[in-house]
Amino acid sequence: MSESQLWDAVDDYVTAHLAPDDETLEAAVRDSETAGLPQIAVTAPQGKFLHLLALIQGARTVLEIGTLGGYSTIWLARALPADGRLVSLEYSARHAEVATRNIARAGLDKLVEVRVGPALESLPRLADENPAPFDLVFIDADKANNPHYVEWALRLTRAGSLIVVDNVVRGGRVADADDTSPDVVGTRAALELIGSHPRLSGTALQTVGAKGYDGFALARVLA
């Protein structure tokens, strides 16, 4: 068995015992695939991890940057109370259409609002609405803009909020100083911002699994 096959097998085992997909989640994956969306959504164990983070946080409000087909959105929204709110920002109108259907099928459309357009345009408009601070922010969009998304997350949160940034290891490329591709440069800048910002305390963990070798950053807003 190859290393990647072993990772897949462990993910399958963990999913079966700790994070089983129900009919709604399976339908979200299936419809996303049928619509031709990129197969880059979080895995079931990662979705369950986000769900647990939101529960541990006692989150009532969540901001998601990068909706894709709504798979992670469903996991996060299921952790919210009946009067909670999740705002998800998606660049692609086509992706947002698929996600909106998946979210409605999950019975979460009253909690979730999907906004379409470049996130760096949607975020200032959201800030102008002066919303209540978000308890958790999940960043999983174009990696080149990761530092900008972290900065906006800081503006839209409060002391005690959590910021999660996905895909920060990039198969190990984040540590390669010679790699100047935009996704790596943006991710590296976001990590360095988290490490140096006086209002943040954070770390990053490497992960392996069905999506290969990657990782995520987790930061707590201090003030």
N, C-alpha and C. Protein backbone atom coordinates (compact mmCIF):
# COMPACT_ATOMS: atom_id res chain seq x y z
N MET A 1 0.85 -1.20 0.00
CA MET A 1 0.00 0.00 0.00
C MET A 1 0.88 1.24 0.00
N SER A 2 0.62 2.16 -0.91
CA SER A 2 1.40 3.38 -0.97
C SER A 2 1.03 4.31 0.19
N GLU A 3 1.84 5.34 0.38
CA GLU A 3 1.57 6.30 1.45
C GLU A 3 0.22 6.98 1.26
N SER A 4 -0.07 7.41 0.04
CA SER A 4 -1.35 8.09 -0.21
C SER A 4 -2.52 7.14 -0.03
N GLN A 5 -2.36 5.87 -0.41
CA GLN A 5 -3.42 4.89 -0.20
C GLN A 5 -3.68 4.67 1.29
N LEU A 6 -2.62 4.68 2.07
CA LEU A 6 -2.76 4.55 3.52
C LEU A 6 -3.50 5.74 4.10
N TRP A 7 -3.16 6.93 3.65
CA TRP A 7 -3.87 8.13 4.11
C TRP A 7 -5.36 8.03 3.79
N ASP A 8 -5.66 7.60 2.57
CA ASP A 8 -7.06 7.45 2.17
C ASP A 8 -7.79 6.43 3.04
N ALA A 9 -7.11 5.33 3.33
CA ALA A 9 -7.72 4.28 4.14
C ALA A 9 -8.04 4.77 5.55
N VAL A 10 -7.12 5.53 6.12
CA VAL A 10 -7.35 6.07 7.46
C VAL A 10 -8.49 7.08 7.43
N ASP A 11 -8.52 7.93 6.39
CA ASP A 11 -9.63 8.88 6.26
C ASP A 11 -10.96 8.14 6.17
N ASP A 12 -10.99 7.06 5.40
CA ASP A 12 -12.22 6.28 5.28
C ASP A 12 -12.64 5.70 6.63
N TYR A 13 -11.66 5.22 7.39
CA TYR A 13 -11.95 4.65 8.70
C TYR A 13 -12.50 5.73 9.65
N VAL A 14 -11.82 6.87 9.68
CA VAL A 14 -12.25 7.96 10.56
C VAL A 14 -13.64 8.45 10.16
N THR A 15 -13.86 8.59 8.86
CA THR A 15 -15.17 9.03 8.38
C THR A 15 -16.26 8.07 8.81
N ALA A 16 -16.03 6.80 8.63
CA ALA A 16 -17.05 5.80 8.96
C ALA A 16 -17.43 5.82 10.43
N HIS A 17 -16.45 6.03 11.29
CA HIS A 17 -16.70 5.93 12.74
C HIS A 17 -16.98 7.26 13.42
N LEU A 18 -16.45 8.36 12.88
CA LEU A 18 -16.55 9.64 13.59
C LEU A 18 -17.23 10.75 12.81
N ALA A 19 -17.26 10.66 11.50
CA ALA A 19 -17.82 11.76 10.71
C ALA A 19 -18.59 11.24 9.50
N PRO A 20 -19.52 10.32 9.71
CA PRO A 20 -20.23 9.75 8.56
C PRO A 20 -21.07 10.78 7.83
N ASP A 21 -20.96 10.78 6.51
CA ASP A 21 -21.81 11.63 5.69
C ASP A 21 -23.24 11.11 5.74
N ASP A 22 -24.20 11.99 5.96
CA ASP A 22 -25.60 11.60 5.86
C ASP A 22 -26.07 11.88 4.43
N GLU A 23 -27.34 11.63 4.19
CA GLU A 23 -27.88 11.76 2.83
C GLU A 23 -27.72 13.19 2.30
N THR A 24 -27.89 14.17 3.17
CA THR A 24 -27.79 15.57 2.75
C THR A 24 -26.37 15.93 2.33
N LEU A 25 -25.40 15.52 3.13
CA LEU A 25 -24.00 15.81 2.80
C LEU A 25 -23.57 15.05 1.55
N GLU A 26 -24.01 13.80 1.43
CA GLU A 26 -23.68 13.03 0.24
C GLU A 26 -24.28 13.68 -1.00
N ALA A 27 -25.49 14.19 -0.89
CA ALA A 27 -26.12 14.86 -2.02
C ALA A 27 -25.37 16.14 -2.39
N ALA A 28 -24.86 16.85 -1.39
CA ALA A 28 -24.10 18.07 -1.67
C ALA A 28 -22.83 17.74 -2.45
N VAL A 29 -22.15 16.66 -2.06
CA VAL A 29 -20.96 16.23 -2.79
C VAL A 29 -21.32 15.80 -4.19
N ARG A 30 -22.36 15.01 -4.30
CA ARG A 30 -22.76 14.47 -5.61
C ARG A 30 -23.17 15.60 -6.56
N ASP A 31 -23.97 16.54 -6.08
CA ASP A 31 -24.43 17.62 -6.95
C ASP A 31 -23.28 18.54 -7.35
N SER A 32 -22.34 18.73 -6.45
CA SER A 32 -21.16 19.55 -6.77
C SER A 32 -20.34 18.88 -7.87
N GLU A 33 -20.18 17.57 -7.76
CA GLU A 33 -19.44 16.84 -8.78
C GLU A 33 -20.16 16.89 -10.13
N THR A 34 -21.48 16.68 -10.09
CA THR A 34 -22.28 16.70 -11.32
C THR A 34 -22.20 18.06 -12.01
N ALA A 35 -22.15 19.12 -11.22
CA ALA A 35 -22.07 20.47 -11.77
C ALA A 35 -20.67 20.83 -12.24
N GLY A 36 -19.71 19.93 -12.03
CA GLY A 36 -18.36 20.18 -12.49
C GLY A 36 -17.54 21.10 -11.61
N LEU A 37 -17.95 21.26 -10.35
CA LEU A 37 -17.17 22.09 -9.44
C LEU A 37 -15.84 21.41 -9.12
N PRO A 38 -14.79 22.18 -8.87
CA PRO A 38 -13.50 21.58 -8.51
C PRO A 38 -13.64 20.72 -7.26
N GLN A 39 -12.95 19.60 -7.23
CA GLN A 39 -13.03 18.68 -6.10
C GLN A 39 -12.04 19.07 -5.01
N ILE A 40 -12.29 20.25 -4.43
CA ILE A 40 -11.36 20.81 -3.44
C ILE A 40 -12.05 21.11 -2.11
N ALA A 41 -13.26 20.62 -1.94
CA ALA A 41 -13.96 20.84 -0.67
C ALA A 41 -13.25 20.09 0.45
N VAL A 42 -13.53 20.49 1.68
CA VAL A 42 -12.96 19.79 2.82
C VAL A 42 -13.47 18.35 2.84
N THR A 43 -12.73 17.46 3.48
CA THR A 43 -13.17 16.09 3.65
C THR A 43 -14.18 16.01 4.79
N ALA A 44 -14.82 14.87 4.94
CA ALA A 44 -15.77 14.69 6.04
C ALA A 44 -15.13 14.90 7.42
N PRO A 45 -13.93 14.30 7.69
CA PRO A 45 -13.31 14.56 9.00
C PRO A 45 -12.97 16.04 9.20
N GLN A 46 -12.57 16.72 8.13
CA GLN A 46 -12.28 18.15 8.25
C GLN A 46 -13.56 18.94 8.48
N GLY A 47 -14.65 18.55 7.80
CA GLY A 47 -15.92 19.20 8.04
C GLY A 47 -16.39 19.02 9.47
N LYS A 48 -16.23 17.80 9.99
CA LYS A 48 -16.61 17.54 11.39
C LYS A 48 -15.73 18.35 12.34
N PHE A 49 -14.46 18.53 11.99
CA PHE A 49 -13.56 19.35 12.80
C PHE A 49 -14.06 20.80 12.86
N LEU A 50 -14.46 21.35 11.71
CA LEU A 50 -15.00 22.72 11.70
C LEU A 50 -16.27 22.80 12.53
N HIS A 51 -17.12 21.79 12.41
CA HIS A 51 -18.36 21.72 13.18
C HIS A 51 -18.07 21.74 14.68
N LEU A 52 -17.10 20.94 15.10
CA LEU A 52 -16.75 20.89 16.52
C LEU A 52 -16.13 22.19 16.99
N LEU A 53 -15.30 22.81 16.14
CA LEU A 53 -14.73 24.11 16.51
C LEU A 53 -15.83 25.13 16.77
N ALA A 54 -16.83 25.15 15.89
CA ALA A 54 -17.93 26.09 16.05
C ALA A 54 -18.71 25.80 17.33
N LEU A 55 -18.90 24.52 17.64
CA LEU A 55 -19.60 24.16 18.88
C LEU A 55 -18.78 24.54 20.11
N ILE A 56 -17.49 24.22 20.09
CA ILE A 56 -16.61 24.56 21.22
C ILE A 56 -16.60 26.07 21.43
N GLN A 57 -16.59 26.79 20.32
CA GLN A 57 -16.57 28.25 20.37
C GLN A 57 -17.90 28.81 20.86
N GLY A 58 -18.95 28.00 20.80
CA GLY A 58 -20.27 28.53 21.11
C GLY A 58 -20.71 29.55 20.09
N ALA A 59 -20.31 29.34 18.86
CA ALA A 59 -20.52 30.34 17.82
C ALA A 59 -22.00 30.56 17.52
N ARG A 60 -22.35 31.81 17.40
CA ARG A 60 -23.69 32.19 16.94
C ARG A 60 -23.62 32.82 15.55
N THR A 61 -22.45 33.33 15.21
CA THR A 61 -22.26 33.97 13.91
C THR A 61 -20.96 33.45 13.29
N VAL A 62 -21.03 33.10 12.01
CA VAL A 62 -19.87 32.57 11.29
C VAL A 62 -19.75 33.29 9.96
N LEU A 63 -18.52 33.61 9.60
CA LEU A 63 -18.20 34.16 8.29
C LEU A 63 -17.34 33.15 7.56
N GLU A 64 -17.76 32.78 6.36
CA GLU A 64 -17.00 31.84 5.53
C GLU A 64 -16.58 32.56 4.26
N ILE A 65 -15.30 32.51 3.95
CA ILE A 65 -14.78 33.11 2.72
C ILE A 65 -14.40 31.98 1.78
N GLY A 66 -15.27 31.73 0.80
CA GLY A 66 -15.09 30.61 -0.12
C GLY A 66 -16.15 29.55 0.14
N THR A 67 -17.24 29.56 -0.63
CA THR A 67 -18.36 28.66 -0.40
C THR A 67 -18.22 27.35 -1.15
N LEU A 68 -17.75 27.43 -2.40
CA LEU A 68 -17.71 26.31 -3.33
C LEU A 68 -19.12 25.70 -3.42
N GLY A 69 -19.30 24.41 -3.14
CA GLY A 69 -20.62 23.80 -3.24
C GLY A 69 -21.40 23.78 -1.94
N GLY A 70 -20.86 24.40 -0.90
CA GLY A 70 -21.59 24.51 0.36
C GLY A 70 -21.39 23.36 1.33
N TYR A 71 -20.45 22.46 1.04
CA TYR A 71 -20.24 21.31 1.93
C TYR A 71 -19.75 21.76 3.31
N SER A 72 -18.71 22.57 3.34
CA SER A 72 -18.21 23.07 4.63
C SER A 72 -19.24 23.99 5.28
N THR A 73 -19.99 24.71 4.45
CA THR A 73 -21.03 25.61 4.96
C THR A 73 -22.06 24.83 5.77
N ILE A 74 -22.45 23.68 5.25
CA ILE A 74 -23.45 22.86 5.95
C ILE A 74 -22.90 22.38 7.29
N TRP A 75 -21.67 21.89 7.30
CA TRP A 75 -21.06 21.45 8.56
C TRP A 75 -21.04 22.59 9.58
N LEU A 76 -20.65 23.78 9.15
CA LEU A 76 -20.57 24.92 10.07
C LEU A 76 -21.95 25.37 10.54
N ALA A 77 -22.88 25.47 9.60
CA ALA A 77 -24.21 25.97 9.94
C ALA A 77 -24.95 25.04 10.89
N ARG A 78 -24.68 23.75 10.78
CA ARG A 78 -25.32 22.78 11.68
C ARG A 78 -24.89 22.96 13.13
N ALA A 79 -23.82 23.69 13.36
CA ALA A 79 -23.37 23.94 14.73
C ALA A 79 -24.01 25.19 15.34
N LEU A 80 -24.75 25.94 14.54
CA LEU A 80 -25.31 27.20 15.00
C LEU A 80 -26.66 27.01 15.68
N PRO A 81 -27.01 27.91 16.59
CA PRO A 81 -28.35 27.85 17.18
C PRO A 81 -29.40 28.28 16.16
N ALA A 82 -30.67 28.13 16.52
CA ALA A 82 -31.76 28.42 15.59
C ALA A 82 -31.77 29.88 15.14
N ASP A 83 -31.24 30.76 15.97
CA ASP A 83 -31.20 32.18 15.60
C ASP A 83 -29.79 32.61 15.18
N GLY A 84 -28.96 31.65 14.80
CA GLY A 84 -27.61 31.97 14.37
C GLY A 84 -27.59 32.53 12.96
N ARG A 85 -26.37 32.89 12.52
CA ARG A 85 -26.21 33.48 11.18
C ARG A 85 -24.87 33.08 10.60
N LEU A 86 -24.91 32.65 9.35
CA LEU A 86 -23.67 32.35 8.62
C LEU A 86 -23.70 33.10 7.30
N VAL A 87 -22.69 33.91 7.07
CA VAL A 87 -22.53 34.62 5.80
C VAL A 87 -21.37 33.97 5.06
N SER A 88 -21.63 33.51 3.84
CA SER A 88 -20.61 32.84 3.04
C SER A 88 -20.40 33.64 1.76
N LEU A 89 -19.14 33.90 1.45
CA LEU A 89 -18.79 34.72 0.29
C LEU A 89 -18.21 33.82 -0.80
N GLU A 90 -18.78 33.89 -1.99
CA GLU A 90 -18.36 33.04 -3.10
C GLU A 90 -18.15 33.87 -4.37
N TYR A 91 -17.00 33.70 -4.98
CA TYR A 91 -16.66 34.46 -6.19
C TYR A 91 -17.54 34.07 -7.37
N SER A 92 -17.77 32.78 -7.55
CA SER A 92 -18.44 32.27 -8.74
C SER A 92 -19.95 32.17 -8.55
N ALA A 93 -20.70 32.81 -9.45
CA ALA A 93 -22.16 32.73 -9.38
C ALA A 93 -22.63 31.29 -9.59
N ARG A 94 -21.93 30.56 -10.44
CA ARG A 94 -22.30 29.17 -10.71
C ARG A 94 -22.09 28.31 -9.47
N HIS A 95 -20.97 28.49 -8.80
CA HIS A 95 -20.73 27.75 -7.56
C HIS A 95 -21.77 28.12 -6.51
N ALA A 96 -22.07 29.41 -6.42
CA ALA A 96 -23.03 29.87 -5.41
C ALA A 96 -24.41 29.29 -5.66
N GLU A 97 -24.79 29.12 -6.93
CA GLU A 97 -26.09 28.53 -7.25
C GLU A 97 -26.17 27.09 -6.76
N VAL A 98 -25.10 26.33 -6.99
CA VAL A 98 -25.06 24.94 -6.51
C VAL A 98 -25.11 24.92 -4.99
N ALA A 99 -24.32 25.78 -4.37
CA ALA A 99 -24.26 25.82 -2.91
C ALA A 99 -25.61 26.19 -2.31
N THR A 100 -26.27 27.14 -2.90
CA THR A 100 -27.57 27.58 -2.38
C THR A 100 -28.58 26.44 -2.40
N ARG A 101 -28.57 25.65 -3.47
CA ARG A 101 -29.46 24.49 -3.53
C ARG A 101 -29.10 23.47 -2.46
N ASN A 102 -27.81 23.22 -2.29
CA ASN A 102 -27.38 22.25 -1.28
C ASN A 102 -27.75 22.71 0.13
N ILE A 103 -27.58 23.98 0.39
CA ILE A 103 -27.89 24.54 1.72
C ILE A 103 -29.39 24.48 1.98
N ALA A 104 -30.19 24.78 0.96
CA ALA A 104 -31.65 24.72 1.12
C ALA A 104 -32.10 23.28 1.38
N ARG A 105 -31.50 22.31 0.66
CA ARG A 105 -31.85 20.91 0.88
C ARG A 105 -31.54 20.50 2.32
N ALA A 106 -30.49 21.08 2.88
CA ALA A 106 -30.11 20.77 4.26
C ALA A 106 -31.01 21.47 5.28
N GLY A 107 -31.94 22.31 4.81
CA GLY A 107 -32.84 23.02 5.71
C GLY A 107 -32.17 24.15 6.47
N LEU A 108 -31.10 24.70 5.87
CA LEU A 108 -30.31 25.72 6.56
C LEU A 108 -30.38 27.08 5.90
N ASP A 109 -31.28 27.23 4.92
CA ASP A 109 -31.32 28.48 4.16
C ASP A 109 -31.76 29.67 5.00
N LYS A 110 -32.43 29.44 6.11
CA LYS A 110 -32.82 30.56 6.98
C LYS A 110 -31.64 31.05 7.82
N LEU A 111 -30.62 30.21 7.97
CA LEU A 111 -29.44 30.59 8.74
C LEU A 111 -28.32 31.14 7.86
N VAL A 112 -28.30 30.70 6.59
CA VAL A 112 -27.15 30.95 5.72
C VAL A 112 -27.50 31.93 4.61
N GLU A 113 -26.60 32.87 4.40
CA GLU A 113 -26.70 33.80 3.28
C GLU A 113 -25.44 33.67 2.44
N VAL A 114 -25.59 33.35 1.16
CA VAL A 114 -24.46 33.27 0.24
C VAL A 114 -24.42 34.55 -0.58
N ARG A 115 -23.30 35.24 -0.53
CA ARG A 115 -23.13 36.49 -1.28
C ARG A 115 -22.13 36.25 -2.42
N VAL A 116 -22.50 36.70 -3.61
CA VAL A 116 -21.70 36.42 -4.79
C VAL A 116 -20.85 37.62 -5.18
N GLY A 117 -19.60 37.34 -5.56
CA GLY A 117 -18.69 38.37 -6.03
C GLY A 117 -17.33 38.21 -5.39
N PRO A 118 -16.34 38.94 -5.88
CA PRO A 118 -15.01 38.88 -5.27
C PRO A 118 -15.08 39.23 -3.79
N ALA A 119 -14.48 38.42 -2.96
CA ALA A 119 -14.59 38.62 -1.51
C ALA A 119 -14.03 39.98 -1.08
N LEU A 120 -12.99 40.44 -1.76
CA LEU A 120 -12.41 41.73 -1.38
C LEU A 120 -13.32 42.90 -1.75
N GLU A 121 -14.39 42.63 -2.51
CA GLU A 121 -15.43 43.63 -2.73
C GLU A 121 -16.59 43.41 -1.78
N SER A 122 -16.89 42.15 -1.50
CA SER A 122 -18.01 41.84 -0.59
C SER A 122 -17.69 42.19 0.85
N LEU A 123 -16.44 42.04 1.26
CA LEU A 123 -16.07 42.29 2.65
C LEU A 123 -16.25 43.75 3.07
N PRO A 124 -15.83 44.74 2.27
CA PRO A 124 -16.10 46.13 2.67
C PRO A 124 -17.59 46.43 2.76
N ARG A 125 -18.38 45.86 1.85
CA ARG A 125 -19.83 46.08 1.92
C ARG A 125 -20.41 45.45 3.18
N LEU A 126 -19.90 44.27 3.53
CA LEU A 126 -20.36 43.63 4.77
C LEU A 126 -19.98 44.48 5.97
N ALA A 127 -18.77 45.01 5.99
CA ALA A 127 -18.32 45.84 7.11
C ALA A 127 -19.18 47.10 7.23
N ASP A 128 -19.60 47.66 6.09
CA ASP A 128 -20.43 48.87 6.10
C ASP A 128 -21.78 48.62 6.76
N GLU A 129 -22.21 47.36 6.80
CA GLU A 129 -23.48 47.03 7.44
C GLU A 129 -23.35 46.99 8.97
N ASN A 130 -22.12 47.10 9.45
CA ASN A 130 -21.84 47.09 10.89
C ASN A 130 -22.47 45.88 11.57
N PRO A 131 -22.15 44.67 11.08
CA PRO A 131 -22.76 43.47 11.67
C PRO A 131 -22.18 43.19 13.06
N ALA A 132 -22.89 42.38 13.82
CA ALA A 132 -22.33 41.90 15.09
C ALA A 132 -21.04 41.15 14.78
N PRO A 133 -20.05 41.23 15.66
CA PRO A 133 -18.78 40.54 15.40
C PRO A 133 -19.00 39.05 15.17
N PHE A 134 -18.27 38.51 14.22
CA PHE A 134 -18.37 37.08 13.95
C PHE A 134 -17.55 36.30 14.98
N ASP A 135 -18.12 35.20 15.42
CA ASP A 135 -17.46 34.36 16.42
C ASP A 135 -16.40 33.45 15.80
N LEU A 136 -16.59 33.11 14.53
CA LEU A 136 -15.65 32.23 13.84
C LEU A 136 -15.59 32.64 12.38
N VAL A 137 -14.39 32.66 11.82
CA VAL A 137 -14.18 32.95 10.41
C VAL A 137 -13.41 31.80 9.79
N PHE A 138 -13.95 31.25 8.71
CA PHE A 138 -13.28 30.17 7.98
C PHE A 138 -12.87 30.70 6.62
N ILE A 139 -11.56 30.70 6.37
CA ILE A 139 -11.01 31.24 5.13
C ILE A 139 -10.54 30.08 4.25
N ASP A 140 -11.19 29.93 3.10
CA ASP A 140 -10.86 28.84 2.19
C ASP A 140 -11.16 29.29 0.77
N ALA A 141 -10.46 30.33 0.34
CA ALA A 141 -10.70 30.90 -0.99
C ALA A 141 -9.37 30.98 -1.73
N ASP A 142 -9.24 31.94 -2.64
CA ASP A 142 -8.00 32.09 -3.40
C ASP A 142 -6.86 32.43 -2.44
N LYS A 143 -5.82 31.64 -2.49
CA LYS A 143 -4.77 31.70 -1.47
C LYS A 143 -3.90 32.96 -1.59
N ALA A 144 -3.82 33.52 -2.78
CA ALA A 144 -3.00 34.72 -2.95
C ALA A 144 -3.49 35.87 -2.08
N ASN A 145 -4.78 35.88 -1.80
CA ASN A 145 -5.36 36.97 -1.00
C ASN A 145 -5.51 36.62 0.47
N ASN A 146 -4.92 35.52 0.92
CA ASN A 146 -5.06 35.11 2.31
C ASN A 146 -4.71 36.21 3.33
N PRO A 147 -3.62 36.96 3.15
CA PRO A 147 -3.33 37.99 4.16
C PRO A 147 -4.41 39.06 4.23
N HIS A 148 -4.99 39.39 3.09
CA HIS A 148 -6.07 40.38 3.08
C HIS A 148 -7.31 39.83 3.78
N TYR A 149 -7.56 38.55 3.59
CA TYR A 149 -8.71 37.95 4.25
C TYR A 149 -8.52 37.90 5.76
N VAL A 150 -7.30 37.63 6.21
CA VAL A 150 -7.03 37.63 7.65
C VAL A 150 -7.22 39.04 8.21
N GLU A 151 -6.77 40.04 7.48
CA GLU A 151 -6.94 41.43 7.95
C GLU A 151 -8.42 41.79 8.06
N TRP A 152 -9.21 41.38 7.07
CA TRP A 152 -10.65 41.65 7.14
C TRP A 152 -11.30 40.86 8.26
N ALA A 153 -10.84 39.65 8.48
CA ALA A 153 -11.38 38.85 9.57
C ALA A 153 -11.17 39.56 10.91
N LEU A 154 -10.01 40.17 11.06
CA LEU A 154 -9.74 40.91 12.29
C LEU A 154 -10.71 42.08 12.47
N ARG A 155 -11.05 42.73 11.37
CA ARG A 155 -11.96 43.86 11.45
C ARG A 155 -13.38 43.43 11.79
N LEU A 156 -13.71 42.19 11.49
CA LEU A 156 -15.10 41.74 11.62
C LEU A 156 -15.31 40.78 12.79
N THR A 157 -14.32 40.69 13.68
CA THR A 157 -14.42 39.80 14.83
C THR A 157 -14.24 40.58 16.13
N ARG A 158 -14.10 39.85 17.21
CA ARG A 158 -13.95 40.44 18.54
C ARG A 158 -12.93 39.61 19.31
N ALA A 159 -12.56 40.10 20.48
CA ALA A 159 -11.69 39.30 21.34
C ALA A 159 -12.34 37.96 21.63
N GLY A 160 -11.60 36.89 21.42
CA GLY A 160 -12.13 35.56 21.65
C GLY A 160 -12.59 34.85 20.40
N SER A 161 -12.75 35.57 19.29
CA SER A 161 -13.16 34.93 18.03
C SER A 161 -12.03 34.05 17.50
N LEU A 162 -12.41 33.08 16.66
CA LEU A 162 -11.45 32.18 16.02
C LEU A 162 -11.39 32.44 14.52
N ILE A 163 -10.18 32.35 13.98
CA ILE A 163 -9.97 32.46 12.53
C ILE A 163 -9.27 31.19 12.09
N VAL A 164 -9.86 30.51 11.12
CA VAL A 164 -9.29 29.28 10.57
C VAL A 164 -8.94 29.52 9.11
N VAL A 165 -7.70 29.22 8.74
CA VAL A 165 -7.26 29.38 7.35
C VAL A 165 -6.90 28.00 6.83
N ASP A 166 -7.56 27.57 5.76
CA ASP A 166 -7.33 26.23 5.24
C ASP A 166 -6.20 26.22 4.20
N ASN A 167 -5.64 25.04 3.99
CA ASN A 167 -4.66 24.78 2.92
C ASN A 167 -3.40 25.65 3.04
N VAL A 168 -2.81 25.70 4.23
CA VAL A 168 -1.67 26.59 4.42
C VAL A 168 -0.32 25.90 4.23
N VAL A 169 -0.29 24.59 4.05
CA VAL A 169 0.99 23.89 3.90
C VAL A 169 1.35 23.73 2.42
N ARG A 170 0.32 23.61 1.58
CA ARG A 170 0.53 23.58 0.13
C ARG A 170 1.48 22.46 -0.28
N GLY A 171 1.31 21.29 0.31
CA GLY A 171 2.18 20.17 -0.02
C GLY A 171 3.62 20.38 0.41
N GLY A 172 3.84 21.26 1.38
CA GLY A 172 5.18 21.57 1.87
C GLY A 172 5.81 22.77 1.19
N ARG A 173 5.17 23.28 0.16
CA ARG A 173 5.77 24.39 -0.61
C ARG A 173 5.87 25.68 0.20
N VAL A 174 5.04 25.80 1.26
CA VAL A 174 5.07 27.04 2.05
C VAL A 174 6.44 27.28 2.67
N ALA A 175 7.21 26.21 2.90
CA ALA A 175 8.53 26.35 3.52
C ALA A 175 9.65 26.52 2.50
N ASP A 176 9.31 26.50 1.22
CA ASP A 176 10.32 26.62 0.16
C ASP A 176 10.47 28.09 -0.22
N ALA A 177 11.54 28.70 0.24
CA ALA A 177 11.75 30.13 -0.01
C ALA A 177 11.88 30.44 -1.49
N ASP A 178 12.21 29.47 -2.30
CA ASP A 178 12.36 29.69 -3.74
C ASP A 178 11.03 29.62 -4.49
N ASP A 179 9.99 29.18 -3.80
CA ASP A 179 8.67 29.07 -4.44
C ASP A 179 7.97 30.43 -4.34
N THR A 180 7.80 31.08 -5.48
CA THR A 180 7.20 32.41 -5.50
C THR A 180 5.83 32.40 -6.19
N SER A 181 5.19 31.25 -6.27
CA SER A 181 3.86 31.19 -6.85
C SER A 181 2.89 31.96 -5.95
N PRO A 182 1.87 32.60 -6.54
CA PRO A 182 0.99 33.47 -5.76
C PRO A 182 0.32 32.78 -4.58
N ASP A 183 -0.08 31.50 -4.74
CA ASP A 183 -0.76 30.83 -3.64
C ASP A 183 0.16 30.64 -2.44
N VAL A 184 1.43 30.33 -2.73
CA VAL A 184 2.39 30.13 -1.65
C VAL A 184 2.79 31.46 -1.01
N VAL A 185 3.03 32.47 -1.84
CA VAL A 185 3.41 33.79 -1.31
C VAL A 185 2.29 34.34 -0.43
N GLY A 186 1.03 34.21 -0.89
CA GLY A 186 -0.09 34.71 -0.11
C GLY A 186 -0.28 33.95 1.19
N THR A 187 -0.11 32.65 1.13
CA THR A 187 -0.26 31.84 2.33
C THR A 187 0.85 32.14 3.33
N ARG A 188 2.07 32.25 2.82
CA ARG A 188 3.20 32.58 3.69
C ARG A 188 2.98 33.93 4.38
N ALA A 189 2.48 34.90 3.62
CA ALA A 189 2.22 36.22 4.19
C ALA A 189 1.15 36.16 5.27
N ALA A 190 0.13 35.33 5.06
CA ALA A 190 -0.93 35.20 6.07
C ALA A 190 -0.39 34.58 7.36
N LEU A 191 0.44 33.55 7.23
CA LEU A 191 1.03 32.93 8.41
C LEU A 191 1.93 33.90 9.16
N GLU A 192 2.72 34.65 8.41
CA GLU A 192 3.61 35.62 9.05
C GLU A 192 2.82 36.74 9.71
N LEU A 193 1.69 37.11 9.11
CA LEU A 193 0.83 38.13 9.72
C LEU A 193 0.26 37.61 11.03
N ILE A 194 -0.22 36.37 11.02
CA ILE A 194 -0.76 35.79 12.26
C ILE A 194 0.32 35.75 13.34
N GLY A 195 1.54 35.38 12.94
CA GLY A 195 2.62 35.26 13.91
C GLY A 195 3.09 36.57 14.49
N SER A 196 2.92 37.65 13.75
CA SER A 196 3.46 38.94 14.18
C SER A 196 2.41 39.91 14.70
N HIS A 197 1.14 39.64 14.44
CA HIS A 197 0.11 40.61 14.80
C HIS A 197 -0.16 40.59 16.30
N PRO A 198 -0.18 41.75 16.94
CA PRO A 198 -0.37 41.79 18.39
C PRO A 198 -1.76 41.35 18.85
N ARG A 199 -2.71 41.32 17.93
CA ARG A 199 -4.07 40.92 18.32
C ARG A 199 -4.34 39.45 18.05
N LEU A 200 -3.34 38.71 17.60
CA LEU A 200 -3.57 37.32 17.25
C LEU A 200 -2.59 36.38 17.93
N SER A 201 -3.07 35.22 18.31
CA SER A 201 -2.22 34.12 18.74
C SER A 201 -2.63 32.90 17.94
N GLY A 202 -1.67 32.32 17.22
CA GLY A 202 -2.06 31.25 16.33
C GLY A 202 -1.00 30.18 16.16
N THR A 203 -1.39 29.15 15.45
CA THR A 203 -0.49 28.07 15.10
C THR A 203 -0.95 27.47 13.78
N ALA A 204 -0.17 26.54 13.26
CA ALA A 204 -0.56 25.82 12.05
C ALA A 204 -0.22 24.35 12.25
N LEU A 205 -1.07 23.48 11.72
CA LEU A 205 -0.87 22.04 11.82
C LEU A 205 -0.82 21.43 10.43
N GLN A 206 0.11 20.51 10.24
CA GLN A 206 0.18 19.77 9.00
C GLN A 206 -0.81 18.60 9.05
N THR A 207 -1.43 18.31 7.91
CA THR A 207 -2.38 17.21 7.84
C THR A 207 -2.10 16.35 6.61
N VAL A 208 -2.50 15.09 6.70
CA VAL A 208 -2.52 14.21 5.53
C VAL A 208 -3.88 13.54 5.48
N GLY A 209 -4.26 13.09 4.29
CA GLY A 209 -5.56 12.44 4.17
C GLY A 209 -5.96 12.33 2.72
N ALA A 210 -7.27 12.24 2.50
CA ALA A 210 -7.78 12.04 1.15
C ALA A 210 -7.43 13.19 0.22
N LYS A 211 -7.16 14.37 0.77
CA LYS A 211 -6.79 15.52 -0.05
C LYS A 211 -5.28 15.71 -0.11
N GLY A 212 -4.54 14.68 0.33
CA GLY A 212 -3.08 14.76 0.23
C GLY A 212 -2.44 15.41 1.45
N TYR A 213 -1.31 16.07 1.21
CA TYR A 213 -0.51 16.67 2.27
C TYR A 213 -0.78 18.17 2.31
N ASP A 214 -1.34 18.65 3.40
CA ASP A 214 -1.62 20.08 3.52
C ASP A 214 -1.69 20.45 5.00
N GLY A 215 -2.55 21.37 5.37
CA GLY A 215 -2.65 21.79 6.76
C GLY A 215 -3.52 23.02 6.90
N PHE A 216 -3.71 23.44 8.13
CA PHE A 216 -4.55 24.61 8.39
C PHE A 216 -3.91 25.45 9.50
N ALA A 217 -4.27 26.72 9.52
CA ALA A 217 -3.85 27.63 10.59
C ALA A 217 -5.07 27.95 11.44
N LEU A 218 -4.84 28.10 12.73
CA LEU A 218 -5.88 28.46 13.68
C LEU A 218 -5.37 29.63 14.52
N ALA A 219 -6.15 30.69 14.57
CA ALA A 219 -5.74 31.88 15.32
C ALA A 219 -6.88 32.37 16.19
N ARG A 220 -6.54 32.80 17.39
CA ARG A 220 -7.53 33.39 18.31
C ARG A 220 -7.29 34.88 18.38
N VAL A 221 -8.38 35.63 18.30
CA VAL A 221 -8.29 37.09 18.42
C VAL A 221 -8.16 37.44 19.89
N LEU A 222 -7.13 38.19 20.22
CA LEU A 222 -6.83 38.49 21.62
C LEU A 222 -7.50 39.76 22.13
N ALA A 223 -7.68 40.72 21.26
CA ALA A 223 -8.24 42.01 21.71
C ALA A 223 -8.89 42.72 20.54
